[in-house]
Amino acid sequence: MINSGKSAISFAGEMAISNIGAARDNIGAALRENDSVVVDIAAIDETDLTFIQLIESARRKAAETGRDFRLHRPADGAVLEVLRRGGFLDDETSERAKFWLQGTAQ
């Protein structure tokens, strides 16, 4: 759903290297066309580092261009597990950890 300068994108099921192209295209379009993008990852059952890296890249690009890019709610489940295994949450005070955890203790 893209409108009024705000966009909400939802991902579900498996988000991995096999389907990362479509996810990249959706996020890219949302960031080009909107000032604010909210990403819902609650329904992701399985993921890999490719998806995490895509979201990280989009987060940094949004910050560079003055756009709001955030998660609908803190990472949990499969996404949280990959974040932990990949070392993305080693420093819970980092901007990256604040983005993924939204200030919640994990």
C-alpha atoms as a PDB file:
ATOM      1  CA  MET A   1       0.000   0.000   0.000  1.00  0.00           C
ATOM      2  CA  ILE A   2       1.652   3.239  -1.124  1.00  0.00           C
ATOM      3  CA  ASN A   3      -0.083   6.588  -0.619  1.00  0.00           C
ATOM      4  CA  SER A   4       0.080  10.044   0.955  1.00  0.00           C
ATOM      5  CA  GLY A   5       3.820   9.923   1.497  1.00  0.00           C
ATOM      6  CA  LYS A   6       3.471   6.864   3.740  1.00  0.00           C
ATOM      7  CA  SER A   7       3.878   3.224   2.863  1.00  0.00           C
ATOM      8  CA  ALA A   8       3.340  -0.019   4.731  1.00  0.00           C
ATOM      9  CA  ILE A   9       5.023  -3.179   3.484  1.00  0.00           C
ATOM     10  CA  SER A  10       4.389  -6.637   4.911  1.00  0.00           C
ATOM     11  CA  PHE A  11       6.541  -9.710   4.475  1.00  0.00           C
ATOM     12  CA  ALA A  12       5.403 -13.237   5.297  1.00  0.00           C
ATOM     13  CA  GLY A  13       6.527 -16.822   5.028  1.00  0.00           C
ATOM     14  CA  GLU A  14      10.066 -17.402   3.800  1.00  0.00           C
ATOM     15  CA  MET A  15      12.250 -14.374   3.119  1.00  0.00           C
ATOM     16  CA  ALA A  16      15.539 -15.646   1.776  1.00  0.00           C
ATOM     17  CA  ILE A  17      17.936 -15.364  -1.116  1.00  0.00           C
ATOM     18  CA  SER A  18      15.478 -17.174  -3.393  1.00  0.00           C
ATOM     19  CA  ASN A  19      12.963 -14.310  -3.285  1.00  0.00           C
ATOM     20  CA  ILE A  20      15.034 -11.327  -2.181  1.00  0.00           C
ATOM     21  CA  GLY A  21      14.744  -9.588  -5.571  1.00  0.00           C
ATOM     22  CA  ALA A  22      11.033  -8.916  -5.181  1.00  0.00           C
ATOM     23  CA  ALA A  23      11.528  -7.703  -1.613  1.00  0.00           C
ATOM     24  CA  ARG A  24      14.306  -5.364  -2.777  1.00  0.00           C
ATOM     25  CA  ASP A  25      12.103  -3.967  -5.535  1.00  0.00           C
ATOM     26  CA  ASN A  26       9.176  -3.359  -3.157  1.00  0.00           C
ATOM     27  CA  ILE A  27      11.311  -1.613  -0.552  1.00  0.00           C
ATOM     28  CA  GLY A  28      13.133   0.434  -3.175  1.00  0.00           C
ATOM     29  CA  ALA A  29       9.876   1.658  -4.711  1.00  0.00           C
ATOM     30  CA  ALA A  30       8.425   2.499  -1.312  1.00  0.00           C
ATOM     31  CA  LEU A  31      11.505   4.526  -0.345  1.00  0.00           C
ATOM     32  CA  ARG A  32      11.536   6.384  -3.670  1.00  0.00           C
ATOM     33  CA  GLU A  33       7.838   7.260  -3.541  1.00  0.00           C
ATOM     34  CA  ASN A  34       7.269   7.959   0.166  1.00  0.00           C
ATOM     35  CA  ASP A  35       8.678   9.917   3.075  1.00  0.00           C
ATOM     36  CA  SER A  36       7.788   7.202   5.578  1.00  0.00           C
ATOM     37  CA  VAL A  37       7.953   3.416   5.235  1.00  0.00           C
ATOM     38  CA  VAL A  38       6.789   0.960   7.882  1.00  0.00           C
ATOM     39  CA  VAL A  39       7.806  -2.677   7.462  1.00  0.00           C
ATOM     40  CA  ASP A  40       5.847  -5.508   9.056  1.00  0.00           C
ATOM     41  CA  ILE A  41       7.963  -8.634   9.513  1.00  0.00           C
ATOM     42  CA  ALA A  42       5.766 -10.394  12.101  1.00  0.00           C
ATOM     43  CA  ALA A  43       4.577 -13.124   9.707  1.00  0.00           C
ATOM     44  CA  ILE A  44       8.049 -14.214   8.554  1.00  0.00           C
ATOM     45  CA  ASP A  45       8.504 -17.910   9.359  1.00  0.00           C
ATOM     46  CA  GLU A  46      11.969 -18.388   7.904  1.00  0.00           C
ATOM     47  CA  THR A  47      14.714 -16.002   6.851  1.00  0.00           C
ATOM     48  CA  ASP A  48      18.409 -15.723   6.183  1.00  0.00           C
ATOM     49  CA  LEU A  49      21.083 -13.037   6.308  1.00  0.00           C
ATOM     50  CA  THR A  50      20.151 -11.844   2.819  1.00  0.00           C
ATOM     51  CA  PHE A  51      16.871 -10.399   4.099  1.00  0.00           C
ATOM     52  CA  ILE A  52      18.520  -8.898   7.173  1.00  0.00           C
ATOM     53  CA  GLN A  53      21.137  -7.240   4.966  1.00  0.00           C
ATOM     54  CA  LEU A  54      18.406  -5.872   2.676  1.00  0.00           C
ATOM     55  CA  ILE A  55      16.584  -4.269   5.593  1.00  0.00           C
ATOM     56  CA  GLU A  56      19.866  -2.913   6.984  1.00  0.00           C
ATOM     57  CA  SER A  57      20.716  -1.378   3.626  1.00  0.00           C
ATOM     58  CA  ALA A  58      17.261   0.204   3.363  1.00  0.00           C
ATOM     59  CA  ARG A  59      17.533   1.530   6.928  1.00  0.00           C
ATOM     60  CA  ARG A  60      20.836   3.243   6.151  1.00  0.00           C
ATOM     61  CA  LYS A  61      19.628   4.585   2.788  1.00  0.00           C
ATOM     62  CA  ALA A  62      16.506   6.029   4.424  1.00  0.00           C
ATOM     63  CA  ALA A  63      18.625   7.762   7.062  1.00  0.00           C
ATOM     64  CA  GLU A  64      20.906   9.224   4.380  1.00  0.00           C
ATOM     65  CA  THR A  65      17.937  10.607   2.439  1.00  0.00           C
ATOM     66  CA  GLY A  66      15.965  11.884   5.434  1.00  0.00           C
ATOM     67  CA  ARG A  67      13.184   9.313   5.191  1.00  0.00           C
ATOM     68  CA  ASP A  68      11.501   7.513   8.064  1.00  0.00           C
ATOM     69  CA  PHE A  69      12.063   3.747   7.823  1.00  0.00           C
ATOM     70  CA  ARG A  70      10.957   1.599  10.715  1.00  0.00           C
ATOM     71  CA  LEU A  71       9.550  -1.723  11.768  1.00  0.00           C
ATOM     72  CA  HIS A  72       5.911  -2.086  12.702  1.00  0.00           C
ATOM     73  CA  ARG A  73       7.027  -3.910  15.868  1.00  0.00           C
ATOM     74  CA  PRO A  74      10.293  -5.294  17.269  1.00  0.00           C
ATOM     75  CA  ALA A  75      11.918  -8.273  15.576  1.00  0.00           C
ATOM     76  CA  ASP A  76      11.045 -11.667  17.011  1.00  0.00           C
ATOM     77  CA  GLY A  77      10.902 -15.316  16.004  1.00  0.00           C
ATOM     78  CA  ALA A  78      12.963 -16.354  12.989  1.00  0.00           C
ATOM     79  CA  VAL A  79      14.145 -12.813  12.282  1.00  0.00           C
ATOM     80  CA  LEU A  80      15.400 -12.320  15.834  1.00  0.00           C
ATOM     81  CA  GLU A  81      17.239 -15.644  15.718  1.00  0.00           C
ATOM     82  CA  VAL A  82      19.083 -14.716  12.506  1.00  0.00           C
ATOM     83  CA  LEU A  83      19.928 -11.292  13.928  1.00  0.00           C
ATOM     84  CA  ARG A  84      21.468 -12.938  16.986  1.00  0.00           C
ATOM     85  CA  ARG A  85      23.383 -15.569  15.017  1.00  0.00           C
ATOM     86  CA  GLY A  86      24.668 -12.937  12.605  1.00  0.00           C
ATOM     87  CA  GLY A  87      25.984 -10.702  15.385  1.00  0.00           C
ATOM     88  CA  PHE A  88      23.664  -7.821  14.506  1.00  0.00           C
ATOM     89  CA  LEU A  89      22.616  -7.353  18.136  1.00  0.00           C
ATOM     90  CA  ASP A  90      25.989  -7.660  19.879  1.00  0.00           C
ATOM     91  CA  ASP A  91      25.875  -4.003  20.894  1.00  0.00           C
ATOM     92  CA  GLU A  92      22.323  -3.336  22.056  1.00  0.00           C
ATOM     93  CA  THR A  93      23.053   0.406  22.226  1.00  0.00           C
ATOM     94  CA  SER A  94      23.865   0.667  18.508  1.00  0.00           C
ATOM     95  CA  GLU A  95      21.475   2.331  16.074  1.00  0.00           C
ATOM     96  CA  ARG A  96      21.100  -1.029  14.364  1.00  0.00           C
ATOM     97  CA  ALA A  97      19.997  -2.794  17.548  1.00  0.00           C
ATOM     98  CA  LYS A  98      17.681   0.074  18.460  1.00  0.00           C
ATOM     99  CA  PHE A  99      16.041  -0.239  15.041  1.00  0.00           C
ATOM    100  CA  TRP A 100      15.495  -4.000  15.289  1.00  0.00           C
ATOM    101  CA  LEU A 101      14.588  -4.172  18.980  1.00  0.00           C
ATOM    102  CA  GLN A 102      12.794  -0.831  19.311  1.00  0.00           C
ATOM    103  CA  GLY A 103      14.126  -0.432  22.824  1.00  0.00           C
ATOM    104  CA  THR A 104      12.838  -3.754  24.116  1.00  0.00           C
ATOM    105  CA  ALA A 105      15.120  -6.092  26.042  1.00  0.00           C
ATOM    106  CA  GLN A 106      15.681  -9.296  24.107  1.00  0.00           C
END
